[in-house]
Structures are given as structure tokens and as C-alpha cells.
């Protein structure tokens, strides 16, 4: 069984347990239905405990690892202040470019 099938079977067991609980809570259910529901509930709970917890897919682990590395890479230095000499050079270059086009 792969991780997806484990998760599906765990979900299926949980769904069945909810349905059995609904039968037990139903006032119109007969005593035989209640006895069958109790027996099924015990069996499903034992089966649920016996299953190992579903494993995370490796793609999810790699995604979280990549996100953590990206956060570590981000610089903590303050951004460059506005008005340094490169801003003036950029504006001057843009002015010459626009002038040459016309």
C-alpha cells in the first residue's frame, strides 16, 4: 500500500465509524441493528488503531524544505536608500534614450 491508499483507507474507516454512530444514535433502530453496529464499531476502531499513520509524500517534504531554504536566503540587510548616484544615472540614461528616439 502506498501513502495515498493508507490515507484513503483511514478516511474510509472514519466514514464508516460516523455512519455506525448515526445508526447507534437513531431512536428508530432495532436492538439487532444496534448490536451489529456496536460489533462493527469495535472492529473498525481496532483496525484504525492497527494502521500506521499516513506518511507525507516526499514532494510535500521537498516543497517545505525548499520554502525554508528560500526564507534563509533572503537578505536581512536594509534596502538601498533612494537618491544614490545610480538613480541619477538611470534617469539620465532614460532621458538620452527618449531623446534619441524622437
PDB file of N, CA and C in Angstrom:
ATOM      1  N   UNK A   1       0.826  -1.189   0.000  1.00  0.00           N
ATOM      2  CA  UNK A   1       0.000   0.000   0.000  1.00  0.00           C
ATOM      3  C   UNK A   1       0.867   1.247   0.000  1.00  0.00           C
ATOM      4  N   UNK A   2       0.533   2.229  -0.823  1.00  0.00           N
ATOM      5  CA  UNK A   2       1.283   3.486  -0.780  1.00  0.00           C
ATOM      6  C   UNK A   2       0.592   4.456   0.169  1.00  0.00           C
ATOM      7  N   UNK A   3       1.178   5.632   0.307  1.00  0.00           N
ATOM      8  CA  UNK A   3       0.675   6.611   1.287  1.00  0.00           C
ATOM      9  C   UNK A   3      -0.747   7.071   0.946  1.00  0.00           C
ATOM     10  N   UNK A   4      -1.049   7.181  -0.346  1.00  0.00           N
ATOM     11  CA  UNK A   4      -2.370   7.641  -0.757  1.00  0.00           C
ATOM     12  C   UNK A   4      -3.436   6.617  -0.387  1.00  0.00           C
ATOM     13  N   UNK A   5      -3.133   5.326  -0.583  1.00  0.00           N
ATOM     14  CA  UNK A   5      -4.099   4.292  -0.228  1.00  0.00           C
ATOM     15  C   UNK A   5      -4.289   4.235   1.281  1.00  0.00           C
ATOM     16  N   UNK A   6      -3.205   4.458   2.051  1.00  0.00           N
ATOM     17  CA  UNK A   6      -3.326   4.484   3.505  1.00  0.00           C
ATOM     18  C   UNK A   6      -4.266   5.598   3.948  1.00  0.00           C
ATOM     19  N   UNK A   7      -4.087   6.761   3.340  1.00  0.00           N
ATOM     20  CA  UNK A   7      -4.938   7.898   3.699  1.00  0.00           C
ATOM     21  C   UNK A   7      -6.381   7.613   3.312  1.00  0.00           C
ATOM     22  N   UNK A   8      -6.590   7.003   2.132  1.00  0.00           N
ATOM     23  CA  UNK A   8      -7.948   6.700   1.706  1.00  0.00           C
ATOM     24  C   UNK A   8      -8.592   5.675   2.626  1.00  0.00           C
ATOM     25  N   UNK A   9      -7.848   4.648   3.042  1.00  0.00           N
ATOM     26  CA  UNK A   9      -8.445   3.644   3.906  1.00  0.00           C
ATOM     27  C   UNK A   9      -8.738   4.234   5.287  1.00  0.00           C
ATOM     28  N   UNK A  10      -7.871   5.117   5.773  1.00  0.00           N
ATOM     29  CA  UNK A  10      -8.137   5.772   7.052  1.00  0.00           C
ATOM     30  C   UNK A  10      -9.385   6.641   6.957  1.00  0.00           C
ATOM     31  N   UNK A  11      -9.539   7.335   5.835  1.00  0.00           N
ATOM     32  CA  UNK A  11     -10.743   8.148   5.637  1.00  0.00           C
ATOM     33  C   UNK A  11     -11.975   7.269   5.519  1.00  0.00           C
ATOM     34  N   UNK A  12     -11.828   6.117   4.858  1.00  0.00           N
ATOM     35  CA  UNK A  12     -12.963   5.209   4.704  1.00  0.00           C
ATOM     36  C   UNK A  12     -13.396   4.661   6.062  1.00  0.00           C
ATOM     37  N   UNK A  13     -12.431   4.313   6.902  1.00  0.00           N
ATOM     38  CA  UNK A  13     -12.763   3.811   8.234  1.00  0.00           C
ATOM     39  C   UNK A  13     -13.463   4.894   9.046  1.00  0.00           C
ATOM     40  N   UNK A  14     -12.979   6.124   8.950  1.00  0.00           N
ATOM     41  CA  UNK A  14     -13.612   7.229   9.678  1.00  0.00           C
ATOM     42  C   UNK A  14     -15.041   7.454   9.194  1.00  0.00           C
ATOM     43  N   UNK A  15     -15.254   7.355   7.869  1.00  0.00           N
ATOM     44  CA  UNK A  15     -16.604   7.497   7.313  1.00  0.00           C
ATOM     45  C   UNK A  15     -17.523   6.403   7.831  1.00  0.00           C
ATOM     46  N   UNK A  16     -17.019   5.168   7.851  1.00  0.00           N
ATOM     47  CA  UNK A  16     -17.839   4.055   8.336  1.00  0.00           C
ATOM     48  C   UNK A  16     -18.178   4.229   9.811  1.00  0.00           C
ATOM     49  N   UNK A  17     -17.218   4.703  10.589  1.00  0.00           N
ATOM     50  CA  UNK A  17     -17.485   4.925  12.011  1.00  0.00           C
ATOM     51  C   UNK A  17     -18.555   5.990  12.221  1.00  0.00           C
ATOM     52  N   UNK A  18     -18.525   7.041  11.397  1.00  0.00           N
ATOM     53  CA  UNK A  18     -19.570   8.072  11.504  1.00  0.00           C
ATOM     54  C   UNK A  18     -20.939   7.489  11.163  1.00  0.00           C
ATOM     55  N   UNK A  19     -20.990   6.627  10.139  1.00  0.00           N
ATOM     56  CA  UNK A  19     -22.267   6.022   9.749  1.00  0.00           C
ATOM     57  C   UNK A  19     -22.784   5.102  10.847  1.00  0.00           C
ATOM     58  N   UNK A  20     -21.884   4.341  11.464  1.00  0.00           N
ATOM     59  CA  UNK A  20     -22.288   3.438  12.538  1.00  0.00           C
ATOM     60  C   UNK A  20     -22.761   4.235  13.750  1.00  0.00           C
ATOM     61  N   UNK A  21     -22.095   5.347  14.038  1.00  0.00           N
ATOM     62  CA  UNK A  21     -22.526   6.198  15.147  1.00  0.00           C
ATOM     63  C   UNK A  21     -23.921   6.756  14.900  1.00  0.00           C
ATOM     64  N   UNK A  22     -24.213   7.051  13.628  1.00  0.00           N
ATOM     65  CA  UNK A  22     -25.546   7.543  13.293  1.00  0.00           C
ATOM     66  C   UNK A  22     -26.597   6.461  13.538  1.00  0.00           C
ATOM     67  N   UNK A  23     -26.249   5.207  13.235  1.00  0.00           N
ATOM     68  CA  UNK A  23     -27.184   4.110  13.489  1.00  0.00           C
ATOM     69  C   UNK A  23     -27.416   3.954  14.986  1.00  0.00           C
ATOM     70  N   UNK A  24     -26.332   4.052  15.760  1.00  0.00           N
ATOM     71  CA  UNK A  24     -26.476   3.914  17.212  1.00  0.00           C
ATOM     72  C   UNK A  24     -27.290   5.050  17.813  1.00  0.00           C
ATOM     73  N   UNK A  25     -27.192   6.244  17.238  1.00  0.00           N
ATOM     74  CA  UNK A  25     -27.928   7.390  17.764  1.00  0.00           C
ATOM     75  C   UNK A  25     -29.381   7.424  17.279  1.00  0.00           C
ATOM     76  N   UNK A  26     -29.714   6.621  16.290  1.00  0.00           N
ATOM     77  CA  UNK A  26     -31.060   6.621  15.719  1.00  0.00           C
ATOM     78  C   UNK A  26     -32.033   5.947  16.687  1.00  0.00           C
ATOM     79  N   UNK A  27     -33.067   6.668  17.135  1.00  0.00           N
ATOM     80  CA  UNK A  27     -34.017   6.062  18.081  1.00  0.00           C
ATOM     81  C   UNK A  27     -34.888   4.976  17.428  1.00  0.00           C
ATOM     82  N   UNK A  28     -34.997   4.986  16.107  1.00  0.00           N
ATOM     83  CA  UNK A  28     -35.848   4.016  15.414  1.00  0.00           C
ATOM     84  C   UNK A  28     -35.115   2.710  15.106  1.00  0.00           C
ATOM     85  N   UNK A  29     -33.817   2.631  15.401  1.00  0.00           N
ATOM     86  CA  UNK A  29     -33.055   1.418  15.112  1.00  0.00           C
ATOM     87  C   UNK A  29     -33.463   0.301  16.073  1.00  0.00           C
ATOM     88  N   UNK A  30     -33.527  -0.924  15.532  1.00  0.00           N
ATOM     89  CA  UNK A  30     -33.896  -2.063  16.373  1.00  0.00           C
ATOM     90  C   UNK A  30     -32.700  -2.490  17.219  1.00  0.00           C
ATOM     91  N   UNK A  31     -32.957  -3.363  18.193  1.00  0.00           N
ATOM     92  CA  UNK A  31     -31.889  -3.833  19.076  1.00  0.00           C
ATOM     93  C   UNK A  31     -30.860  -4.658  18.302  1.00  0.00           C
ATOM     94  N   UNK A  32     -31.305  -5.408  17.289  1.00  0.00           N
ATOM     95  CA  UNK A  32     -30.378  -6.201  16.475  1.00  0.00           C
ATOM     96  C   UNK A  32     -29.461  -5.287  15.644  1.00  0.00           C
ATOM     97  N   UNK A  33     -30.031  -4.222  15.103  1.00  0.00           N
ATOM     98  CA  UNK A  33     -29.211  -3.267  14.343  1.00  0.00           C
ATOM     99  C   UNK A  33     -28.178  -2.606  15.251  1.00  0.00           C
ATOM    100  N   UNK A  34     -28.596  -2.273  16.466  1.00  0.00           N
ATOM    101  CA  UNK A  34     -27.665  -1.654  17.409  1.00  0.00           C
ATOM    102  C   UNK A  34     -26.539  -2.612  17.796  1.00  0.00           C
ATOM    103  N   UNK A  35     -26.877  -3.883  18.001  1.00  0.00           N
ATOM    104  CA  UNK A  35     -25.855  -4.881  18.360  1.00  0.00           C
ATOM    105  C   UNK A  35     -24.858  -5.052  17.212  1.00  0.00           C
ATOM    106  N   UNK A  36     -25.359  -5.124  15.986  1.00  0.00           N
ATOM    107  CA  UNK A  36     -24.466  -5.232  14.822  1.00  0.00           C
ATOM    108  C   UNK A  36     -23.587  -3.991  14.692  1.00  0.00           C
ATOM    109  N   UNK A  37     -24.170  -2.825  14.933  1.00  0.00           N
ATOM    110  CA  UNK A  37     -23.414  -1.578  14.819  1.00  0.00           C
ATOM    111  C   UNK A  37     -22.321  -1.514  15.885  1.00  0.00           C
ATOM    112  N   UNK A  38     -22.630  -1.966  17.105  1.00  0.00           N
ATOM    113  CA  UNK A  38     -21.610  -1.973  18.162  1.00  0.00           C
ATOM    114  C   UNK A  38     -20.444  -2.894  17.797  1.00  0.00           C
ATOM    115  N   UNK A  39     -20.766  -4.080  17.274  1.00  0.00           N
ATOM    116  CA  UNK A  39     -19.720  -5.036  16.899  1.00  0.00           C
ATOM    117  C   UNK A  39     -18.861  -4.474  15.768  1.00  0.00           C
ATOM    118  N   UNK A  40     -19.510  -3.887  14.770  1.00  0.00           N
ATOM    119  CA  UNK A  40     -18.758  -3.280  13.659  1.00  0.00           C
ATOM    120  C   UNK A  40     -17.894  -2.127  14.139  1.00  0.00           C
ATOM    121  N   UNK A  41     -18.436  -1.336  15.063  1.00  0.00           N
ATOM    122  CA  UNK A  41     -17.691  -0.186  15.577  1.00  0.00           C
ATOM    123  C   UNK A  41     -16.428  -0.642  16.300  1.00  0.00           C
ATOM    124  N   UNK A  42     -16.542  -1.680  17.115  1.00  0.00           N
ATOM    125  CA  UNK A  42     -15.365  -2.204  17.814  1.00  0.00           C
ATOM    126  C   UNK A  42     -14.316  -2.718  16.827  1.00  0.00           C
ATOM    127  N   UNK A  43     -14.772  -3.454  15.795  1.00  0.00           N
ATOM    128  CA  UNK A  43     -13.837  -3.982  14.796  1.00  0.00           C
ATOM    129  C   UNK A  43     -13.134  -2.862  14.028  1.00  0.00           C
ATOM    130  N   UNK A  44     -13.890  -1.856  13.630  1.00  0.00           N
ATOM    131  CA  UNK A  44     -13.296  -0.744  12.881  1.00  0.00           C
ATOM    132  C   UNK A  44     -12.339   0.068  13.747  1.00  0.00           C
ATOM    133  N   UNK A  45     -12.672   0.261  15.018  1.00  0.00           N
ATOM    134  CA  UNK A  45     -11.764   1.005  15.900  1.00  0.00           C
ATOM    135  C   UNK A  45     -10.455   0.255  16.092  1.00  0.00           C
ATOM    136  N   UNK A  46     -10.529  -1.082  16.210  1.00  0.00           N
ATOM    137  CA  UNK A  46      -9.306  -1.873  16.322  1.00  0.00           C
ATOM    138  C   UNK A  46      -8.491  -1.798  15.036  1.00  0.00           C
ATOM    139  N   UNK A  47      -9.181  -1.830  13.907  1.00  0.00           N
ATOM    140  CA  UNK A  47      -8.494  -1.743  12.609  1.00  0.00           C
ATOM    141  C   UNK A  47      -7.850  -0.374  12.439  1.00  0.00           C
ATOM    142  N   UNK A  48      -8.517   0.660  12.914  1.00  0.00           N
ATOM    143  CA  UNK A  48      -7.985   2.012  12.805  1.00  0.00           C
ATOM    144  C   UNK A  48      -6.742   2.180  13.667  1.00  0.00           C
ATOM    145  N   UNK A  49      -6.740   1.590  14.862  1.00  0.00           N
ATOM    146  CA  UNK A  49      -5.575   1.668  15.742  1.00  0.00           C
ATOM    147  C   UNK A  49      -4.401   0.883  15.180  1.00  0.00           C
ATOM    148  N   UNK A  50      -4.671  -0.204  14.465  1.00  0.00           N
ATOM    149  CA  UNK A  50      -3.608  -1.058  13.933  1.00  0.00           C
ATOM    150  C   UNK A  50      -2.891  -0.418  12.749  1.00  0.00           C
ATOM    151  N   UNK A  51      -3.539   0.507  12.065  1.00  0.00           N
ATOM    152  CA  UNK A  51      -2.920   1.137  10.893  1.00  0.00           C
ATOM    153  C   UNK A  51      -1.899   2.178  11.324  1.00  0.00           C
ATOM    154  N   UNK A  52      -0.748   2.194  10.656  1.00  0.00           N
ATOM    155  CA  UNK A  52       0.219   3.255  10.958  1.00  0.00           C
ATOM    156  C   UNK A  52      -0.296   4.587  10.414  1.00  0.00           C
ATOM    157  N   UNK A  53       0.150   5.694  10.979  1.00  0.00           N
ATOM    158  CA  UNK A  53      -0.300   6.996  10.465  1.00  0.00           C
ATOM    159  C   UNK A  53       0.199   7.178   9.035  1.00  0.00           C
ATOM    160  N   UNK A  54      -0.562   7.869   8.192  1.00  0.00           N
ATOM    161  CA  UNK A  54      -0.143   8.047   6.802  1.00  0.00           C
ATOM    162  C   UNK A  54       1.136   8.865   6.727  1.00  0.00           C
ATOM    163  N   UNK A  55       2.006   8.473   5.796  1.00  0.00           N
ATOM    164  CA  UNK A  55       3.276   9.178   5.607  1.00  0.00           C
ATOM    165  C   UNK A  55       3.060  10.356   4.671  1.00  0.00           C
ATOM    166  N   UNK A  56       3.876  11.386   4.857  1.00  0.00           N
ATOM    167  CA  UNK A  56       3.806  12.531   3.959  1.00  0.00           C
ATOM    168  C   UNK A  56       4.499  12.172   2.655  1.00  0.00           C
ATOM    169  N   UNK A  57       3.929  12.562   1.539  1.00  0.00           N
ATOM    170  CA  UNK A  57       4.615  12.327   0.272  1.00  0.00           C
ATOM    171  C   UNK A  57       5.929  13.098   0.232  1.00  0.00           C
ATOM    172  N   UNK A  58       6.910  12.536  -0.457  1.00  0.00           N
ATOM    173  CA  UNK A  58       8.222  13.172  -0.495  1.00  0.00           C
ATOM    174  C   UNK A  58       8.165  14.533  -1.188  1.00  0.00           C
ATOM    175  N   UNK A  59       7.222  14.717  -2.113  1.00  0.00           N
ATOM    176  CA  UNK A  59       7.132  16.012  -2.788  1.00  0.00           C
ATOM    177  C   UNK A  59       6.743  17.108  -1.799  1.00  0.00           C
ATOM    178  N   UNK A  60       5.883  16.790  -0.840  1.00  0.00           N
ATOM    179  CA  UNK A  60       5.488  17.784   0.159  1.00  0.00           C
ATOM    180  C   UNK A  60       6.669  18.126   1.065  1.00  0.00           C
ATOM    181  N   UNK A  61       7.451  17.113   1.417  1.00  0.00           N
ATOM    182  CA  UNK A  61       8.622  17.353   2.251  1.00  0.00           C
ATOM    183  C   UNK A  61       9.619  18.239   1.514  1.00  0.00           C
ATOM    184  N   UNK A  62       9.858  17.942   0.226  1.00  0.00           N
ATOM    185  CA  UNK A  62      10.796  18.738  -0.561  1.00  0.00           C
ATOM    186  C   UNK A  62      10.288  20.168  -0.717  1.00  0.00           C
ATOM    187  N   UNK A  63       8.967  20.341  -0.887  1.00  0.00           N
ATOM    188  CA  UNK A  63       8.392  21.670  -1.013  1.00  0.00           C
ATOM    189  C   UNK A  63       8.667  22.485   0.246  1.00  0.00           C
ATOM    190  N   UNK A  64       8.433  21.885   1.413  1.00  0.00           N
ATOM    191  CA  UNK A  64       8.656  22.594   2.666  1.00  0.00           C
ATOM    192  C   UNK A  64      10.139  22.893   2.884  1.00  0.00           C
ATOM    193  N   UNK A  65      11.007  21.973   2.476  1.00  0.00           N
ATOM    194  CA  UNK A  65      12.437  22.200   2.591  1.00  0.00           C
ATOM    195  C   UNK A  65      12.863  23.372   1.696  1.00  0.00           C
ATOM    196  N   UNK A  66      12.376  23.401   0.458  1.00  0.00           N
ATOM    197  CA  UNK A  66      12.698  24.497  -0.454  1.00  0.00           C
ATOM    198  C   UNK A  66      12.213  25.835   0.057  1.00  0.00           C
ATOM    199  N   UNK A  67      11.027  25.845   0.640  1.00  0.00           N
ATOM    200  CA  UNK A  67      10.491  27.098   1.186  1.00  0.00           C
ATOM    201  C   UNK A  67      11.345  27.580   2.351  1.00  0.00           C
ATOM    202  N   UNK A  68      11.783  26.657   3.200  1.00  0.00           N
ATOM    203  CA  UNK A  68      12.617  27.041   4.343  1.00  0.00           C
ATOM    204  C   UNK A  68      13.958  27.581   3.865  1.00  0.00           C
ATOM    205  N   UNK A  69      14.544  26.962   2.832  1.00  0.00           N
ATOM    206  CA  UNK A  69      15.819  27.445   2.302  1.00  0.00           C
ATOM    207  C   UNK A  69      15.654  28.828   1.690  1.00  0.00           C
ATOM    208  N   UNK A  70      14.560  29.058   0.989  1.00  0.00           N
ATOM    209  CA  UNK A  70      14.319  30.366   0.384  1.00  0.00           C
ATOM    210  C   UNK A  70      14.217  31.441   1.460  1.00  0.00           C
ATOM    211  N   UNK A  71      13.555  31.118   2.566  1.00  0.00           N
ATOM    212  CA  UNK A  71      13.456  32.094   3.651  1.00  0.00           C
ATOM    213  C   UNK A  71      14.825  32.385   4.260  1.00  0.00           C
ATOM    214  N   UNK A  72      15.694  31.373   4.330  1.00  0.00           N
ATOM    215  CA  UNK A  72      17.030  31.590   4.869  1.00  0.00           C
ATOM    216  C   UNK A  72      17.880  32.444   3.937  1.00  0.00           C
ATOM    217  N   UNK A  73      17.676  32.296   2.636  1.00  0.00           N
ATOM    218  CA  UNK A  73      18.475  33.033   1.656  1.00  0.00           C
ATOM    219  C   UNK A  73      18.153  34.515   1.617  1.00  0.00           C
ATOM    220  N   UNK A  74      16.929  34.873   1.969  1.00  0.00           N
ATOM    221  CA  UNK A  74      16.531  36.275   1.869  1.00  0.00           C
ATOM    222  C   UNK A  74      17.423  37.131   2.749  1.00  0.00           C
ATOM    223  N   UNK A  75      17.861  38.214   2.170  1.00  0.00           N
ATOM    224  CA  UNK A  75      18.788  39.095   2.867  1.00  0.00           C
ATOM    225  C   UNK A  75      18.092  39.817   4.009  1.00  0.00           C
ATOM    226  N   UNK A  76      18.831  40.008   5.079  1.00  0.00           N
ATOM    227  CA  UNK A  76      18.291  40.768   6.200  1.00  0.00           C
ATOM    228  C   UNK A  76      18.837  42.194   6.212  1.00  0.00           C
ATOM    229  N   UNK A  77      19.691  42.508   5.212  1.00  0.00           N
ATOM    230  CA  UNK A  77      20.245  43.858   5.126  1.00  0.00           C
ATOM    231  C   UNK A  77      19.152  44.826   4.687  1.00  0.00           C
ATOM    232  N   UNK A  78      19.298  46.074   5.095  1.00  0.00           N
ATOM    233  CA  UNK A  78      18.327  47.099   4.731  1.00  0.00           C
ATOM    234  C   UNK A  78      18.439  47.397   3.234  1.00  0.00           C
ATOM    235  N   UNK A  79      17.331  47.718   2.586  1.00  0.00           N
ATOM    236  CA  UNK A  79      17.393  48.044   1.161  1.00  0.00           C
ATOM    237  C   UNK A  79      18.167  49.339   0.937  1.00  0.00           C
ATOM    238  N   UNK A  80      18.665  49.519  -0.295  1.00  0.00           N
ATOM    239  CA  UNK A  80      19.424  50.724  -0.632  1.00  0.00           C
ATOM    240  C   UNK A  80      18.544  51.959  -0.485  1.00  0.00           C
ATOM    241  N   UNK A  81      19.074  53.021   0.060  1.00  0.00           N
ATOM    242  CA  UNK A  81      18.278  54.245   0.189  1.00  0.00           C
ATOM    243  C   UNK A  81      18.059  54.877  -1.185  1.00  0.00           C
ATOM    244  N   UNK A  82      16.965  55.574  -1.320  1.00  0.00           N
ATOM    245  CA  UNK A  82      16.670  56.269  -2.578  1.00  0.00           C
ATOM    246  C   UNK A  82      17.584  57.478  -2.706  1.00  0.00           C
ATOM    247  N   UNK A  83      17.905  57.816  -3.931  1.00  0.00           N
ATOM    248  CA  UNK A  83      18.674  59.017  -4.174  1.00  0.00           C
ATOM    249  C   UNK A  83      20.162  58.791  -4.275  1.00  0.00           C
ATOM    250  N   UNK A  84      20.635  57.546  -4.394  1.00  0.00           N
ATOM    251  CA  UNK A  84      22.071  57.361  -4.587  1.00  0.00           C
ATOM    252  C   UNK A  84      22.420  57.652  -6.053  1.00  0.00           C
ATOM    253  N   UNK A  85      23.679  57.572  -6.414  1.00  0.00           N
ATOM    254  CA  UNK A  85      24.129  58.009  -7.740  1.00  0.00           C
ATOM    255  C   UNK A  85      23.572  57.147  -8.868  1.00  0.00           C
ATOM    256  N   UNK A  86      23.188  55.885  -8.584  1.00  0.00           N
ATOM    257  CA  UNK A  86      22.663  55.036  -9.669  1.00  0.00           C
ATOM    258  C   UNK A  86      21.292  55.507 -10.121  1.00  0.00           C
ATOM    259  N   UNK A  87      20.506  56.081  -9.211  1.00  0.00           N
ATOM    260  CA  UNK A  87      19.200  56.607  -9.611  1.00  0.00           C
ATOM    261  C   UNK A  87      19.376  57.749 -10.600  1.00  0.00           C
ATOM    262  N   UNK A  88      20.347  58.602 -10.358  1.00  0.00           N
ATOM    263  CA  UNK A  88      20.582  59.721 -11.269  1.00  0.00           C
ATOM    264  C   UNK A  88      21.084  59.213 -12.614  1.00  0.00           C
ATOM    265  N   UNK A  89      21.971  58.229 -12.607  1.00  0.00           N
ATOM    266  CA  UNK A  89      22.488  57.683 -13.861  1.00  0.00           C
ATOM    267  C   UNK A  89      21.369  57.035 -14.655  1.00  0.00           C
ATOM    268  N   UNK A  90      20.456  56.336 -13.974  1.00  0.00           N
ATOM    269  CA  UNK A  90      19.329  55.698 -14.652  1.00  0.00           C
ATOM    270  C   UNK A  90      18.441  56.747 -15.310  1.00  0.00           C
ATOM    271  N   UNK A  91      18.134  57.809 -14.584  1.00  0.00           N
ATOM    272  CA  UNK A  91      17.271  58.856 -15.148  1.00  0.00           C
ATOM    273  C   UNK A  91      17.947  59.560 -16.329  1.00  0.00           C
ATOM    274  N   UNK A  92      19.243  59.801 -16.198  1.00  0.00           N
ATOM    275  CA  UNK A  92      19.986  60.441 -17.278  1.00  0.00           C
ATOM    276  C   UNK A  92      19.995  59.554 -18.523  1.00  0.00           C
ATOM    277  N   UNK A  93      20.231  58.257 -18.343  1.00  0.00           N
ATOM    278  CA  UNK A  93      20.207  57.318 -19.467  1.00  0.00           C
ATOM    279  C   UNK A  93      18.844  57.252 -20.117  1.00  0.00           C
ATOM    280  N   UNK A  94      17.796  57.257 -19.342  1.00  0.00           N
ATOM    281  CA  UNK A  94      16.439  57.219 -19.887  1.00  0.00           C
ATOM    282  C   UNK A  94      16.155  58.487 -20.683  1.00  0.00           C
ATOM    283  N   UNK A  95      16.629  59.626 -20.185  1.00  0.00           N
ATOM    284  CA  UNK A  95      16.411  60.880 -20.880  1.00  0.00           C
ATOM    285  C   UNK A  95      17.103  60.869 -22.243  1.00  0.00           C
ATOM    286  N   UNK A  96      18.356  60.362 -22.284  1.00  0.00           N
ATOM    287  CA  UNK A  96      19.062  60.285 -23.564  1.00  0.00           C
ATOM    288  C   UNK A  96      18.406  59.314 -24.513  1.00  0.00           C
ATOM    289  N   UNK A  97      17.931  58.187 -24.014  1.00  0.00           N
ATOM    290  CA  UNK A  97      17.247  57.200 -24.858  1.00  0.00           C
ATOM    291  C   UNK A  97      16.005  57.785 -25.485  1.00  0.00           C
ATOM    292  N   UNK A  98      15.201  58.463 -24.668  1.00  0.00           N
ATOM    293  CA  UNK A  98      13.985  59.069 -25.192  1.00  0.00           C
ATOM    294  C   UNK A  98      14.294  60.178 -26.178  1.00  0.00           C
ATOM    295  N   UNK A  99      15.377  60.916 -25.941  1.00  0.00           N
ATOM    296  CA  UNK A  99      15.758  61.999 -26.853  1.00  0.00           C
ATOM    297  C   UNK A  99      16.232  61.467 -28.180  1.00  0.00           C
ATOM    298  N   UNK A 100      16.941  60.334 -28.184  1.00  0.00           N
ATOM    299  CA  UNK A 100      17.416  59.751 -29.434  1.00  0.00           C
ATOM    300  C   UNK A 100      16.302  59.139 -30.249  1.00  0.00           C
ATOM    301  N   UNK A 101      15.270  58.704 -29.622  1.00  0.00           N
ATOM    302  CA  UNK A 101      14.143  58.107 -30.357  1.00  0.00           C
ATOM    303  C   UNK A 101      13.365  59.153 -31.130  1.00  0.00           C
ATOM    304  N   UNK A 102      13.295  60.353 -30.612  1.00  0.00           N
ATOM    305  CA  UNK A 102      12.490  61.401 -31.260  1.00  0.00           C
ATOM    306  C   UNK A 102      13.213  62.083 -32.351  1.00  0.00           C
TER     307      UNK A 102
END
